[in-house]
C-alpha atoms as a PDB file:
ATOM      1  CA  HIS A   1      94.452  15.688   5.389  1.00  0.00           C
ATOM      2  CA  LYS A   2      93.067  14.756   8.770  1.00  0.00           C
ATOM      3  CA  VAL A   3      91.926  11.349   9.981  1.00  0.00           C
ATOM      4  CA  LYS A   4      89.225  10.550  12.542  1.00  0.00           C
ATOM      5  CA  ARG A   5      87.766   7.343  13.982  1.00  0.00           C
ATOM      6  CA  ILE A   6      84.085   7.907  14.732  1.00  0.00           C
ATOM      7  CA  LEU A   7      81.521   5.811  16.609  1.00  0.00           C
ATOM      8  CA  VAL A   8      77.809   6.192  16.149  1.00  0.00           C
ATOM      9  CA  ASN A   9      75.668   4.532  18.865  1.00  0.00           C
ATOM     10  CA  PRO A  10      72.472   2.601  18.088  1.00  0.00           C
ATOM     11  CA  GLY A  11      69.637   4.895  17.228  1.00  0.00           C
ATOM     12  CA  GLN A  12      71.831   7.962  16.865  1.00  0.00           C
ATOM     13  CA  ARG A  13      72.912  10.039  13.857  1.00  0.00           C
ATOM     14  CA  LEU A  14      75.259  12.839  13.039  1.00  0.00           C
ATOM     15  CA  SER A  15      73.979  16.178  11.888  1.00  0.00           C
ATOM     16  CA  LEU A  16      73.131  16.710   8.245  1.00  0.00           C
ATOM     17  CA  GLN A  17      76.034  18.971   7.208  1.00  0.00           C
ATOM     18  CA  TYR A  18      78.365  20.154   4.581  1.00  0.00           C
ATOM     19  CA  HIS A  19      81.763  21.904   4.293  1.00  0.00           C
ATOM     20  CA  HIS A  20      83.190  24.801   2.379  1.00  0.00           C
ATOM     21  CA  TYR A  21      86.871  23.748   2.479  1.00  0.00           C
ATOM     22  CA  ARG A  22      87.000  19.922   2.685  1.00  0.00           C
ATOM     23  CA  ALA A  23      85.808  16.760   1.175  1.00  0.00           C
ATOM     24  CA  GLU A  24      85.611  13.493   3.026  1.00  0.00           C
ATOM     25  CA  VAL A  25      85.997   9.734   2.476  1.00  0.00           C
ATOM     26  CA  TRP A  26      84.149   7.557   5.023  1.00  0.00           C
ATOM     27  CA  THR A  27      85.178   3.848   5.404  1.00  0.00           C
ATOM     28  CA  VAL A  28      82.883   1.682   7.592  1.00  0.00           C
ATOM     29  CA  VAL A  29      84.895  -0.525   9.890  1.00  0.00           C
ATOM     30  CA  SER A  30      82.057  -2.357  11.718  1.00  0.00           C
ATOM     31  CA  GLY A  31      78.301  -2.300  11.799  1.00  0.00           C
ATOM     32  CA  VAL A  32      75.984  -0.947   9.211  1.00  0.00           C
ATOM     33  CA  GLY A  33      75.616   2.813   8.774  1.00  0.00           C
ATOM     34  CA  THR A  34      72.910   4.497   6.676  1.00  0.00           C
ATOM     35  CA  ILE A  35      74.770   7.204   4.869  1.00  0.00           C
ATOM     36  CA  THR A  36      73.091  10.177   3.130  1.00  0.00           C
ATOM     37  CA  ILE A  37      74.982  12.066   0.508  1.00  0.00           C
ATOM     38  CA  ASN A  38      72.741  14.809  -0.988  1.00  0.00           C
ATOM     39  CA  ASP A  39      69.577  12.913  -2.155  1.00  0.00           C
ATOM     40  CA  ASP A  40      71.316   9.456  -2.132  1.00  0.00           C
ATOM     41  CA  ILE A  41      70.568   7.333   1.020  1.00  0.00           C
ATOM     42  CA  LYS A  42      72.315   3.955   1.234  1.00  0.00           C
ATOM     43  CA  ASP A  43      73.327   1.282   3.826  1.00  0.00           C
ATOM     44  CA  TYR A  44      77.067   0.796   4.028  1.00  0.00           C
ATOM     45  CA  LYS A  45      78.589  -2.346   5.678  1.00  0.00           C
ATOM     46  CA  ALA A  46      82.122  -2.964   6.982  1.00  0.00           C
ATOM     47  CA  GLY A  47      84.658  -2.390   4.181  1.00  0.00           C
ATOM     48  CA  GLU A  48      82.434  -0.178   2.064  1.00  0.00           C
ATOM     49  CA  VAL A  49      83.495   3.358   1.325  1.00  0.00           C
ATOM     50  CA  ALA A  50      81.483   6.595   0.881  1.00  0.00           C
ATOM     51  CA  VAL A  51      83.047   9.394  -1.112  1.00  0.00           C
ATOM     52  CA  ILE A  52      81.729  12.832  -0.025  1.00  0.00           C
ATOM     53  CA  ALA A  53      82.436  15.720  -2.322  1.00  0.00           C
ATOM     54  CA  LEU A  54      83.165  19.239  -1.246  1.00  0.00           C
ATOM     55  CA  GLY A  55      79.831  21.013  -0.486  1.00  0.00           C
ATOM     56  CA  ALA A  56      77.771  17.775  -0.448  1.00  0.00           C
ATOM     57  CA  HIS A  57      75.144  17.487   2.312  1.00  0.00           C
ATOM     58  CA  HIS A  58      75.853  14.385   4.280  1.00  0.00           C
ATOM     59  CA  ARG A  59      75.239  12.372   7.535  1.00  0.00           C
ATOM     60  CA  ILE A  60      75.390   8.888   8.845  1.00  0.00           C
ATOM     61  CA  GLU A  61      72.732   7.186  10.856  1.00  0.00           C
ATOM     62  CA  ASN A  62      72.778   3.953  12.973  1.00  0.00           C
ATOM     63  CA  LYS A  63      69.441   2.180  12.589  1.00  0.00           C
ATOM     64  CA  THR A  64      70.766  -1.037  14.147  1.00  0.00           C
ATOM     65  CA  ASN A  65      71.420  -2.309  17.636  1.00  0.00           C
ATOM     66  CA  GLU A  66      75.234  -2.426  17.217  1.00  0.00           C
ATOM     67  CA  VAL A  67      77.638   0.398  17.333  1.00  0.00           C
ATOM     68  CA  VAL A  68      78.886   1.667  13.858  1.00  0.00           C
ATOM     69  CA  VAL A  69      82.461   2.563  13.619  1.00  0.00           C
ATOM     70  CA  PHE A  70      83.879   4.368  10.619  1.00  0.00           C
ATOM     71  CA  ILE A  71      87.124   6.147   9.552  1.00  0.00           C
ATOM     72  CA  GLU A  72      86.757   9.669   8.231  1.00  0.00           C
ATOM     73  CA  VAL A  73      89.525  10.985   6.010  1.00  0.00           C
ATOM     74  CA  GLN A  74      89.262  14.703   5.379  1.00  0.00           C
ATOM     75  CA  HIS A  75      91.109  16.292   2.512  1.00  0.00           C
ATOM     76  CA  GLY A  76      91.105  19.924   1.430  1.00  0.00           C
ATOM     77  CA  THR A  77      92.461  23.292   2.490  1.00  0.00           C
ATOM     78  CA  TYR A  78      91.126  23.678   5.989  1.00  0.00           C
ATOM     79  CA  PHE A  79      90.008  21.152   8.649  1.00  0.00           C
ATOM     80  CA  GLY A  80      88.697  23.318  11.520  1.00  0.00           C
ATOM     81  CA  GLU A  81      85.418  22.413  13.315  1.00  0.00           C
ATOM     82  CA  ASP A  82      84.084  25.802  12.305  1.00  0.00           C
ATOM     83  CA  ASP A  83      83.884  24.534   8.719  1.00  0.00           C
ATOM     84  CA  ILE A  84      80.870  22.385   9.674  1.00  0.00           C
ATOM     85  CA  VAL A  85      77.657  23.984   8.279  1.00  0.00           C
ATOM     86  CA  ARG A  86      74.763  22.126  10.007  1.00  0.00           C
ATOM     87  CA  VAL A  87      71.566  21.920   7.937  1.00  0.00           C
ATOM     88  CA  GLU A  88      69.692  19.676  10.519  1.00  0.00           C
ATOM     89  CA  ASP A  89      70.917  18.548  13.898  1.00  0.00           C
ATOM     90  CA  ASP A  90      69.226  16.410  16.667  1.00  0.00           C
ATOM     91  CA  TYR A  91      71.238  18.234  19.299  1.00  0.00           C
ATOM     92  CA  ASN A  92      70.220  21.844  18.273  1.00  0.00           C
ATOM     93  CA  ARG A  93      73.772  22.866  17.314  1.00  0.00           C
ATOM     94  CA  LEU A  94      72.569  24.791  14.259  1.00  0.00           C
END
């Protein structure tokens, strides 16, 4: 497994992505994040958990004026950054 603490600034979002070798569990620590998992889009508040299956398209967006902080726990067989397949990206990292 691998654990990350991630901040999403107001008005920002991560790329819509998926992975071949890992699944993830995101726990919102503070703020409200709008999380997309495949076709399901839901607001998650502090203490709420999103379970992202292997291969699921996912992203988090911050539509508020406060920073969103979440903990990402990756589990699987490989955790390299080259296992990020970007479907859509605001920063042109496709």
